[in-house]
Amino acid sequence: MTCLTVSAESYRLSSMNAAQYVGDAVRAELARKRRTQAELAAALNLNAGTVSRRLAGDVEFTVTEVVAAAMWLGVPLSTFIPPDDLALSA
């Protein structure tokens, strides 16, 4: 009998959609840079609720917002783009 063990992290990534991936990546960079959601909202000219929904992955960031967030946080745009080998759900 073969037993397949799947970690919680790998399961979460395999069932993640693109909006969740980008939201998680932006949230992680906010933490690394010690910046707040409110500061990001101001930088993107969005209200706090809108940014919160994007960071949660409930609503997708626009391309313009992702580019602006990367520039504001001082990170490469590729920081927020899922790797090719990560299978994201639609």
N, C-alpha and C. Protein backbone atom coordinates (compact mmCIF):
# COMPACT_ATOMS: atom_id res chain seq x y z
N MET A 1 0.84 -1.18 0.00
CA MET A 1 0.00 0.00 0.00
C MET A 1 0.89 1.24 0.00
N THR A 2 0.63 2.15 -0.90
CA THR A 2 1.39 3.39 -0.99
C THR A 2 0.60 4.49 -0.30
N CYS A 3 1.28 5.24 0.52
CA CYS A 3 0.64 6.32 1.25
C CYS A 3 1.17 7.64 0.71
N LEU A 4 0.28 8.52 0.36
CA LEU A 4 0.65 9.83 -0.15
C LEU A 4 0.43 10.86 0.95
N THR A 5 1.46 11.56 1.30
CA THR A 5 1.36 12.60 2.32
C THR A 5 1.44 13.95 1.62
N VAL A 6 0.47 14.78 1.92
CA VAL A 6 0.43 16.12 1.34
C VAL A 6 0.43 17.12 2.48
N SER A 7 1.38 18.02 2.47
CA SER A 7 1.43 19.02 3.53
C SER A 7 0.30 20.03 3.36
N ALA A 8 -0.05 20.66 4.46
CA ALA A 8 -1.10 21.68 4.41
C ALA A 8 -0.71 22.81 3.46
N GLU A 9 0.57 23.18 3.46
CA GLU A 9 1.04 24.27 2.59
C GLU A 9 0.91 23.90 1.12
N SER A 10 1.32 22.68 0.75
CA SER A 10 1.23 22.30 -0.65
C SER A 10 -0.22 22.17 -1.08
N TYR A 11 -1.09 21.71 -0.19
CA TYR A 11 -2.52 21.62 -0.53
C TYR A 11 -3.08 23.02 -0.74
N ARG A 12 -2.72 23.94 0.16
CA ARG A 12 -3.23 25.31 0.06
C ARG A 12 -2.78 25.94 -1.26
N LEU A 13 -1.52 25.74 -1.64
CA LEU A 13 -1.03 26.31 -2.89
C LEU A 13 -1.70 25.67 -4.09
N SER A 14 -1.95 24.37 -4.05
CA SER A 14 -2.55 23.72 -5.21
C SER A 14 -4.01 24.10 -5.39
N SER A 15 -4.67 24.52 -4.32
CA SER A 15 -6.08 24.90 -4.44
C SER A 15 -6.26 26.41 -4.50
N MET A 16 -5.16 27.14 -4.57
CA MET A 16 -5.19 28.59 -4.58
C MET A 16 -5.49 29.12 -5.98
N ASN A 17 -6.21 30.23 -6.05
CA ASN A 17 -6.40 30.86 -7.35
C ASN A 17 -5.43 32.04 -7.48
N ALA A 18 -5.38 32.62 -8.64
CA ALA A 18 -4.42 33.69 -8.91
C ALA A 18 -4.64 34.90 -8.00
N ALA A 19 -5.88 35.25 -7.75
CA ALA A 19 -6.17 36.40 -6.89
C ALA A 19 -5.65 36.16 -5.48
N GLN A 20 -5.79 34.94 -4.98
CA GLN A 20 -5.29 34.62 -3.64
C GLN A 20 -3.77 34.65 -3.61
N TYR A 21 -3.14 34.13 -4.66
CA TYR A 21 -1.67 34.12 -4.72
C TYR A 21 -1.14 35.56 -4.67
N VAL A 22 -1.69 36.43 -5.51
CA VAL A 22 -1.22 37.82 -5.56
C VAL A 22 -1.50 38.51 -4.23
N GLY A 23 -2.70 38.30 -3.69
CA GLY A 23 -3.03 38.91 -2.40
C GLY A 23 -2.08 38.48 -1.30
N ASP A 24 -1.77 37.18 -1.25
CA ASP A 24 -0.83 36.67 -0.25
C ASP A 24 0.57 37.27 -0.45
N ALA A 25 0.99 37.37 -1.71
CA ALA A 25 2.32 37.90 -2.01
C ALA A 25 2.43 39.38 -1.63
N VAL A 26 1.40 40.15 -1.93
CA VAL A 26 1.41 41.57 -1.58
C VAL A 26 1.39 41.72 -0.06
N ARG A 27 0.53 40.94 0.61
CA ARG A 27 0.45 41.00 2.07
C ARG A 27 1.81 40.65 2.71
N ALA A 28 2.49 39.64 2.16
CA ALA A 28 3.80 39.25 2.68
C ALA A 28 4.82 40.38 2.53
N GLU A 29 4.79 41.05 1.39
CA GLU A 29 5.71 42.17 1.19
C GLU A 29 5.38 43.34 2.10
N LEU A 30 4.10 43.58 2.33
CA LEU A 30 3.71 44.62 3.28
C LEU A 30 4.33 44.33 4.65
N ALA A 31 4.25 43.09 5.07
CA ALA A 31 4.82 42.71 6.36
C ALA A 31 6.33 42.87 6.38
N ARG A 32 6.98 42.40 5.30
CA ARG A 32 8.44 42.52 5.23
C ARG A 32 8.91 43.97 5.31
N LYS A 33 8.15 44.84 4.66
CA LYS A 33 8.52 46.26 4.59
C LYS A 33 7.93 47.06 5.76
N ARG A 34 7.15 46.36 6.61
CA ARG A 34 6.51 47.00 7.76
C ARG A 34 5.62 48.17 7.34
N ARG A 35 4.83 47.89 6.30
CA ARG A 35 3.87 48.86 5.79
C ARG A 35 2.47 48.35 6.09
N THR A 36 1.50 49.21 6.13
CA THR A 36 0.13 48.83 6.49
C THR A 36 -0.79 48.78 5.26
N GLN A 37 -1.91 48.12 5.46
CA GLN A 37 -2.92 48.10 4.40
C GLN A 37 -3.41 49.51 4.12
N ALA A 38 -3.54 50.32 5.16
CA ALA A 38 -3.99 51.71 4.97
C ALA A 38 -3.00 52.50 4.12
N GLU A 39 -1.71 52.27 4.34
CA GLU A 39 -0.70 52.95 3.53
C GLU A 39 -0.77 52.49 2.08
N LEU A 40 -0.97 51.19 1.88
CA LEU A 40 -1.11 50.67 0.52
C LEU A 40 -2.34 51.27 -0.14
N ALA A 41 -3.44 51.33 0.60
CA ALA A 41 -4.68 51.91 0.06
C ALA A 41 -4.44 53.34 -0.41
N ALA A 42 -3.74 54.12 0.41
CA ALA A 42 -3.46 55.51 0.04
C ALA A 42 -2.56 55.56 -1.21
N ALA A 43 -1.56 54.68 -1.26
CA ALA A 43 -0.65 54.67 -2.40
C ALA A 43 -1.36 54.30 -3.70
N LEU A 44 -2.37 53.43 -3.58
CA LEU A 44 -3.11 52.98 -4.77
C LEU A 44 -4.36 53.82 -5.02
N ASN A 45 -4.60 54.80 -4.15
CA ASN A 45 -5.80 55.64 -4.25
C ASN A 45 -7.08 54.80 -4.20
N LEU A 46 -7.09 53.83 -3.26
CA LEU A 46 -8.25 52.97 -3.04
C LEU A 46 -8.68 53.09 -1.59
N ASN A 47 -9.92 52.69 -1.28
CA ASN A 47 -10.30 52.70 0.12
C ASN A 47 -9.83 51.42 0.81
N ALA A 48 -9.80 51.45 2.12
CA ALA A 48 -9.25 50.33 2.90
C ALA A 48 -10.01 49.03 2.66
N GLY A 49 -11.32 49.10 2.51
CA GLY A 49 -12.12 47.90 2.27
C GLY A 49 -11.78 47.24 0.95
N THR A 50 -11.55 48.04 -0.07
CA THR A 50 -11.18 47.52 -1.38
C THR A 50 -9.84 46.80 -1.31
N VAL A 51 -8.88 47.41 -0.64
CA VAL A 51 -7.56 46.78 -0.50
C VAL A 51 -7.67 45.49 0.32
N SER A 52 -8.46 45.51 1.36
CA SER A 52 -8.65 44.32 2.19
C SER A 52 -9.20 43.16 1.36
N ARG A 53 -10.19 43.42 0.51
CA ARG A 53 -10.77 42.36 -0.34
C ARG A 53 -9.75 41.85 -1.35
N ARG A 54 -8.90 42.72 -1.86
CA ARG A 54 -7.86 42.29 -2.80
C ARG A 54 -6.80 41.44 -2.08
N LEU A 55 -6.37 41.87 -0.90
CA LEU A 55 -5.37 41.10 -0.16
C LEU A 55 -5.91 39.73 0.27
N ALA A 56 -7.20 39.64 0.51
CA ALA A 56 -7.82 38.36 0.88
C ALA A 56 -8.00 37.45 -0.33
N GLY A 57 -7.86 38.00 -1.53
CA GLY A 57 -8.05 37.21 -2.74
C GLY A 57 -9.50 37.13 -3.18
N ASP A 58 -10.36 37.91 -2.54
CA ASP A 58 -11.78 37.90 -2.91
C ASP A 58 -12.02 38.64 -4.22
N VAL A 59 -11.18 39.64 -4.48
CA VAL A 59 -11.25 40.45 -5.69
C VAL A 59 -9.83 40.55 -6.25
N GLU A 60 -9.69 40.44 -7.55
CA GLU A 60 -8.37 40.51 -8.17
C GLU A 60 -7.83 41.94 -8.18
N PHE A 61 -6.52 42.07 -7.98
CA PHE A 61 -5.85 43.34 -8.23
C PHE A 61 -5.86 43.56 -9.74
N THR A 62 -5.95 44.81 -10.16
CA THR A 62 -5.76 45.10 -11.58
C THR A 62 -4.27 45.07 -11.87
N VAL A 63 -3.93 44.99 -13.13
CA VAL A 63 -2.51 45.02 -13.51
C VAL A 63 -1.88 46.33 -13.06
N THR A 64 -2.58 47.41 -13.25
CA THR A 64 -2.07 48.72 -12.84
C THR A 64 -1.81 48.76 -11.34
N GLU A 65 -2.71 48.18 -10.55
CA GLU A 65 -2.54 48.16 -9.10
C GLU A 65 -1.34 47.31 -8.69
N VAL A 66 -1.14 46.18 -9.34
CA VAL A 66 -0.01 45.31 -9.01
C VAL A 66 1.31 46.01 -9.35
N VAL A 67 1.35 46.65 -10.50
CA VAL A 67 2.56 47.39 -10.89
C VAL A 67 2.83 48.51 -9.89
N ALA A 68 1.79 49.26 -9.54
CA ALA A 68 1.95 50.37 -8.59
C ALA A 68 2.38 49.86 -7.21
N ALA A 69 1.81 48.75 -6.77
CA ALA A 69 2.19 48.18 -5.47
C ALA A 69 3.65 47.74 -5.47
N ALA A 70 4.08 47.10 -6.54
CA ALA A 70 5.47 46.67 -6.65
C ALA A 70 6.41 47.88 -6.61
N MET A 71 6.07 48.91 -7.34
CA MET A 71 6.91 50.12 -7.36
C MET A 71 6.93 50.77 -5.98
N TRP A 72 5.78 50.89 -5.34
CA TRP A 72 5.68 51.52 -4.02
C TRP A 72 6.45 50.74 -2.96
N LEU A 73 6.39 49.40 -3.06
CA LEU A 73 7.09 48.55 -2.10
C LEU A 73 8.57 48.37 -2.45
N GLY A 74 8.95 48.79 -3.65
CA GLY A 74 10.34 48.67 -4.06
C GLY A 74 10.77 47.24 -4.34
N VAL A 75 9.86 46.45 -4.92
CA VAL A 75 10.17 45.05 -5.25
C VAL A 75 9.93 44.83 -6.74
N PRO A 76 10.56 43.82 -7.32
CA PRO A 76 10.30 43.51 -8.73
C PRO A 76 8.85 43.06 -8.91
N LEU A 77 8.29 43.39 -10.04
CA LEU A 77 6.93 42.96 -10.37
C LEU A 77 6.80 41.44 -10.27
N SER A 78 7.85 40.73 -10.61
CA SER A 78 7.82 39.26 -10.59
C SER A 78 7.55 38.70 -9.19
N THR A 79 7.73 39.51 -8.16
CA THR A 79 7.44 39.09 -6.79
C THR A 79 5.98 38.66 -6.66
N PHE A 80 5.11 39.26 -7.45
CA PHE A 80 3.68 39.02 -7.32
C PHE A 80 3.11 38.11 -8.41
N ILE A 81 3.98 37.53 -9.22
CA ILE A 81 3.53 36.66 -10.31
C ILE A 81 3.81 35.21 -9.93
N PRO A 82 2.78 34.36 -9.99
CA PRO A 82 2.98 32.95 -9.62
C PRO A 82 4.02 32.28 -10.52
N PRO A 83 4.83 31.38 -9.95
CA PRO A 83 5.79 30.65 -10.77
C PRO A 83 5.07 29.73 -11.76
N ASP A 84 5.73 29.44 -12.88
CA ASP A 84 5.12 28.62 -13.92
C ASP A 84 4.71 27.24 -13.43
N ASP A 85 5.45 26.69 -12.48
CA ASP A 85 5.17 25.32 -12.04
C ASP A 85 4.09 25.23 -10.97
N LEU A 86 3.52 26.37 -10.59
CA LEU A 86 2.45 26.36 -9.60
C LEU A 86 1.11 26.28 -10.31
N ALA A 87 0.41 25.18 -10.12
CA ALA A 87 -0.90 25.00 -10.76
C ALA A 87 -1.94 25.74 -9.96
N LEU A 88 -2.47 26.82 -10.52
CA LEU A 88 -3.50 27.59 -9.85
C LEU A 88 -4.86 27.21 -10.40
N SER A 89 -5.86 27.21 -9.52
CA SER A 89 -7.21 26.93 -9.98
C SER A 89 -7.78 28.18 -10.60
N ALA A 90 -8.77 28.00 -11.43
CA ALA A 90 -9.35 29.14 -12.15
C ALA A 90 -10.24 29.98 -11.28
